[in-house]
Amino acid sequence: MKINDEDRKILEAYESGNSKSVPNIKKELARYREYAKSTLQKNKRINIRISERDLTHIQRRAIEEGLPYQTLISSVIHKYVSGALSARH
């Protein structure tokens, strides 16, 4: 299994004993649960028109990722609006 740099740093900190406990862990867990709940809640529907070619590519990528294509589209939109994904110019 290949791990990314962030995961490697976390693992190294843990193994060297340099990791720190989060103060007030129950409060932090509750806060992040709320973030996840808000992020994953899908309570609005939209209709968009895209080219057949783009839809075909999206559906292929979704199959590769093991996701329904609507979920992939929703994920891309979420990543973009949250700043985790930027438009290339």
N, C-alpha and C. Protein backbone atom coordinates (compact mmCIF):
# COMPACT_ATOMS: atom_id res chain seq x y z
N MET A 1 0.83 -1.17 0.00
CA MET A 1 0.00 0.00 0.00
C MET A 1 0.89 1.24 0.00
N LYS A 2 0.58 2.19 -0.86
CA LYS A 2 1.34 3.42 -0.97
C LYS A 2 0.71 4.49 -0.08
N ILE A 3 1.53 5.17 0.72
CA ILE A 3 0.99 6.23 1.58
C ILE A 3 1.52 7.59 1.11
N ASN A 4 0.71 8.63 1.32
CA ASN A 4 1.13 9.96 0.90
C ASN A 4 2.01 10.61 1.97
N ASP A 5 2.53 11.80 1.66
CA ASP A 5 3.46 12.47 2.57
C ASP A 5 2.82 12.81 3.92
N GLU A 6 1.57 13.27 3.89
CA GLU A 6 0.90 13.63 5.14
C GLU A 6 0.75 12.40 6.05
N ASP A 7 0.31 11.28 5.46
CA ASP A 7 0.17 10.05 6.25
C ASP A 7 1.53 9.58 6.78
N ARG A 8 2.57 9.72 5.97
CA ARG A 8 3.91 9.32 6.38
C ARG A 8 4.37 10.15 7.59
N LYS A 9 4.11 11.47 7.56
CA LYS A 9 4.50 12.34 8.67
C LYS A 9 3.75 11.95 9.95
N ILE A 10 2.48 11.64 9.82
CA ILE A 10 1.68 11.22 10.98
C ILE A 10 2.24 9.92 11.55
N LEU A 11 2.54 8.98 10.69
CA LEU A 11 3.09 7.69 11.13
C LEU A 11 4.45 7.88 11.82
N GLU A 12 5.30 8.72 11.24
CA GLU A 12 6.61 8.97 11.85
C GLU A 12 6.47 9.63 13.21
N ALA A 13 5.56 10.60 13.33
CA ALA A 13 5.34 11.26 14.62
C ALA A 13 4.84 10.26 15.66
N TYR A 14 3.94 9.40 15.26
CA TYR A 14 3.40 8.40 16.18
C TYR A 14 4.51 7.44 16.63
N GLU A 15 5.26 6.92 15.65
CA GLU A 15 6.29 5.93 15.97
C GLU A 15 7.43 6.52 16.81
N SER A 16 7.72 7.80 16.65
CA SER A 16 8.80 8.43 17.42
C SER A 16 8.33 8.96 18.77
N GLY A 17 7.02 8.87 19.02
CA GLY A 17 6.48 9.34 20.29
C GLY A 17 6.25 10.84 20.32
N ASN A 18 6.30 11.50 19.17
CA ASN A 18 6.11 12.95 19.10
C ASN A 18 4.67 13.36 18.82
N SER A 19 3.77 12.41 18.80
CA SER A 19 2.37 12.77 18.56
C SER A 19 1.77 13.29 19.85
N LYS A 20 0.76 14.17 19.71
CA LYS A 20 0.12 14.77 20.88
C LYS A 20 -1.36 14.44 20.87
N SER A 21 -1.92 14.26 22.05
CA SER A 21 -3.36 14.05 22.17
C SER A 21 -4.08 15.36 21.92
N VAL A 22 -5.28 15.25 21.39
CA VAL A 22 -6.11 16.42 21.17
C VAL A 22 -6.80 16.76 22.48
N PRO A 23 -6.67 18.01 22.95
CA PRO A 23 -7.38 18.37 24.18
C PRO A 23 -8.89 18.34 23.93
N ASN A 24 -9.64 17.90 24.91
CA ASN A 24 -11.10 17.86 24.83
C ASN A 24 -11.57 17.06 23.60
N ILE A 25 -11.11 15.83 23.51
CA ILE A 25 -11.35 14.98 22.34
C ILE A 25 -12.82 14.77 22.05
N LYS A 26 -13.65 14.64 23.08
CA LYS A 26 -15.08 14.41 22.84
C LYS A 26 -15.71 15.60 22.13
N LYS A 27 -15.34 16.79 22.53
CA LYS A 27 -15.86 18.00 21.89
C LYS A 27 -15.40 18.09 20.43
N GLU A 28 -14.12 17.77 20.20
CA GLU A 28 -13.57 17.82 18.84
C GLU A 28 -14.24 16.78 17.94
N LEU A 29 -14.45 15.57 18.46
CA LEU A 29 -15.12 14.54 17.68
C LEU A 29 -16.54 14.95 17.32
N ALA A 30 -17.25 15.55 18.27
CA ALA A 30 -18.62 16.02 18.01
C ALA A 30 -18.61 17.09 16.94
N ARG A 31 -17.63 17.99 16.99
CA ARG A 31 -17.53 19.07 16.00
C ARG A 31 -17.30 18.50 14.60
N TYR A 32 -16.38 17.56 14.49
CA TYR A 32 -16.09 16.98 13.18
C TYR A 32 -17.22 16.09 12.67
N ARG A 33 -17.96 15.46 13.58
CA ARG A 33 -19.14 14.71 13.15
C ARG A 33 -20.16 15.64 12.51
N GLU A 34 -20.35 16.82 13.11
CA GLU A 34 -21.27 17.81 12.55
C GLU A 34 -20.80 18.28 11.18
N TYR A 35 -19.49 18.50 11.04
CA TYR A 35 -18.95 18.89 9.73
C TYR A 35 -19.27 17.81 8.69
N ALA A 36 -19.01 16.57 9.04
CA ALA A 36 -19.25 15.46 8.12
C ALA A 36 -20.73 15.35 7.78
N LYS A 37 -21.56 15.46 8.79
CA LYS A 37 -23.00 15.37 8.58
C LYS A 37 -23.47 16.46 7.62
N SER A 38 -23.01 17.68 7.83
CA SER A 38 -23.39 18.80 6.97
C SER A 38 -22.87 18.61 5.54
N THR A 39 -21.66 18.09 5.44
CA THR A 39 -21.05 17.89 4.13
C THR A 39 -21.76 16.79 3.35
N LEU A 40 -22.14 15.74 4.03
CA LEU A 40 -22.71 14.58 3.34
C LEU A 40 -24.21 14.70 3.12
N GLN A 41 -24.85 15.64 3.80
CA GLN A 41 -26.29 15.81 3.65
C GLN A 41 -26.60 16.35 2.26
N LYS A 42 -27.42 15.62 1.55
CA LYS A 42 -27.80 16.03 0.19
C LYS A 42 -29.29 16.34 0.20
N ASN A 43 -29.59 17.62 0.32
CA ASN A 43 -30.99 17.99 0.44
C ASN A 43 -31.47 18.91 -0.68
N LYS A 44 -30.65 19.12 -1.67
CA LYS A 44 -31.04 19.95 -2.82
C LYS A 44 -30.76 19.20 -4.11
N ARG A 45 -31.61 19.44 -5.07
CA ARG A 45 -31.46 18.81 -6.37
C ARG A 45 -31.23 19.90 -7.41
N ILE A 46 -30.33 19.64 -8.36
CA ILE A 46 -30.11 20.57 -9.46
C ILE A 46 -30.15 19.81 -10.78
N ASN A 47 -30.42 20.51 -11.84
CA ASN A 47 -30.35 19.94 -13.18
C ASN A 47 -29.34 20.76 -13.96
N ILE A 48 -28.44 20.08 -14.65
CA ILE A 48 -27.45 20.77 -15.47
C ILE A 48 -27.40 20.10 -16.84
N ARG A 49 -26.97 20.85 -17.80
CA ARG A 49 -26.74 20.30 -19.14
C ARG A 49 -25.25 20.27 -19.39
N ILE A 50 -24.75 19.11 -19.77
CA ILE A 50 -23.34 18.96 -20.14
C ILE A 50 -23.28 18.16 -21.43
N SER A 51 -22.14 18.22 -22.07
CA SER A 51 -22.00 17.49 -23.33
C SER A 51 -22.03 15.98 -23.08
N GLU A 52 -22.47 15.27 -24.07
CA GLU A 52 -22.52 13.81 -23.98
C GLU A 52 -21.12 13.26 -23.77
N ARG A 53 -20.15 13.87 -24.42
CA ARG A 53 -18.75 13.43 -24.29
C ARG A 53 -18.27 13.57 -22.84
N ASP A 54 -18.54 14.74 -22.22
CA ASP A 54 -18.13 14.93 -20.83
C ASP A 54 -18.83 13.94 -19.90
N LEU A 55 -20.11 13.71 -20.12
CA LEU A 55 -20.84 12.76 -19.30
C LEU A 55 -20.25 11.36 -19.42
N THR A 56 -19.90 10.97 -20.62
CA THR A 56 -19.29 9.65 -20.84
C THR A 56 -17.97 9.54 -20.07
N HIS A 57 -17.16 10.61 -20.13
CA HIS A 57 -15.88 10.61 -19.40
C HIS A 57 -16.12 10.55 -17.89
N ILE A 58 -17.10 11.30 -17.41
CA ILE A 58 -17.43 11.28 -15.98
C ILE A 58 -17.88 9.88 -15.57
N GLN A 59 -18.72 9.25 -16.37
CA GLN A 59 -19.20 7.92 -16.04
C GLN A 59 -18.05 6.91 -16.01
N ARG A 60 -17.12 7.03 -16.93
CA ARG A 60 -15.95 6.14 -16.93
C ARG A 60 -15.11 6.32 -15.68
N ARG A 61 -14.86 7.59 -15.33
CA ARG A 61 -14.07 7.87 -14.13
C ARG A 61 -14.78 7.35 -12.89
N ALA A 62 -16.09 7.50 -12.85
CA ALA A 62 -16.87 7.01 -11.70
C ALA A 62 -16.73 5.50 -11.57
N ILE A 63 -16.80 4.80 -12.69
CA ILE A 63 -16.63 3.34 -12.67
C ILE A 63 -15.24 2.99 -12.13
N GLU A 64 -14.21 3.72 -12.59
CA GLU A 64 -12.85 3.47 -12.12
C GLU A 64 -12.73 3.69 -10.60
N GLU A 65 -13.47 4.69 -10.10
CA GLU A 65 -13.43 5.01 -8.68
C GLU A 65 -14.39 4.15 -7.86
N GLY A 66 -15.26 3.41 -8.54
CA GLY A 66 -16.24 2.58 -7.84
C GLY A 66 -17.37 3.38 -7.22
N LEU A 67 -17.74 4.47 -7.89
CA LEU A 67 -18.79 5.37 -7.39
C LEU A 67 -19.89 5.54 -8.41
N PRO A 68 -21.10 5.85 -7.97
CA PRO A 68 -22.12 6.30 -8.93
C PRO A 68 -21.66 7.64 -9.51
N TYR A 69 -21.96 7.90 -10.77
CA TYR A 69 -21.44 9.11 -11.39
C TYR A 69 -21.99 10.38 -10.75
N GLN A 70 -23.23 10.35 -10.24
CA GLN A 70 -23.77 11.53 -9.57
C GLN A 70 -22.97 11.85 -8.30
N THR A 71 -22.54 10.81 -7.60
CA THR A 71 -21.73 10.99 -6.39
C THR A 71 -20.39 11.60 -6.74
N LEU A 72 -19.80 11.16 -7.84
CA LEU A 72 -18.53 11.73 -8.29
C LEU A 72 -18.70 13.21 -8.62
N ILE A 73 -19.74 13.55 -9.34
CA ILE A 73 -19.99 14.95 -9.69
C ILE A 73 -20.17 15.78 -8.43
N SER A 74 -20.96 15.29 -7.49
CA SER A 74 -21.19 15.99 -6.23
C SER A 74 -19.88 16.18 -5.47
N SER A 75 -19.04 15.17 -5.47
CA SER A 75 -17.76 15.24 -4.78
C SER A 75 -16.85 16.29 -5.41
N VAL A 76 -16.81 16.33 -6.72
CA VAL A 76 -15.98 17.32 -7.42
C VAL A 76 -16.46 18.73 -7.11
N ILE A 77 -17.77 18.94 -7.13
CA ILE A 77 -18.32 20.25 -6.81
C ILE A 77 -17.96 20.63 -5.37
N HIS A 78 -18.14 19.69 -4.45
CA HIS A 78 -17.82 19.96 -3.05
C HIS A 78 -16.34 20.32 -2.88
N LYS A 79 -15.45 19.57 -3.50
CA LYS A 79 -14.02 19.85 -3.40
C LYS A 79 -13.70 21.22 -3.97
N TYR A 80 -14.34 21.59 -5.06
CA TYR A 80 -14.09 22.89 -5.66
C TYR A 80 -14.53 24.03 -4.75
N VAL A 81 -15.75 23.97 -4.24
CA VAL A 81 -16.26 25.06 -3.41
C VAL A 81 -15.56 25.14 -2.05
N SER A 82 -15.01 24.03 -1.58
CA SER A 82 -14.31 24.04 -0.29
C SER A 82 -12.83 24.39 -0.44
N GLY A 83 -12.38 24.61 -1.69
CA GLY A 83 -11.00 25.01 -1.92
C GLY A 83 -10.02 23.88 -2.07
N ALA A 84 -10.48 22.64 -2.02
CA ALA A 84 -9.58 21.49 -2.16
C ALA A 84 -9.25 21.20 -3.62
N LEU A 85 -9.96 21.84 -4.53
CA LEU A 85 -9.77 21.63 -5.95
C LEU A 85 -9.84 23.00 -6.61
N SER A 86 -8.90 23.30 -7.48
CA SER A 86 -8.94 24.61 -8.14
C SER A 86 -9.05 24.44 -9.63
N ALA A 87 -9.62 25.44 -10.27
CA ALA A 87 -9.76 25.41 -11.73
C ALA A 87 -8.41 25.70 -12.36
N ARG A 88 -8.09 24.99 -13.40
CA ARG A 88 -6.85 25.25 -14.14
C ARG A 88 -7.15 26.23 -15.26
N HIS A 89 -6.25 27.12 -15.49
CA HIS A 89 -6.45 28.11 -16.56
C HIS A 89 -5.50 27.84 -17.69
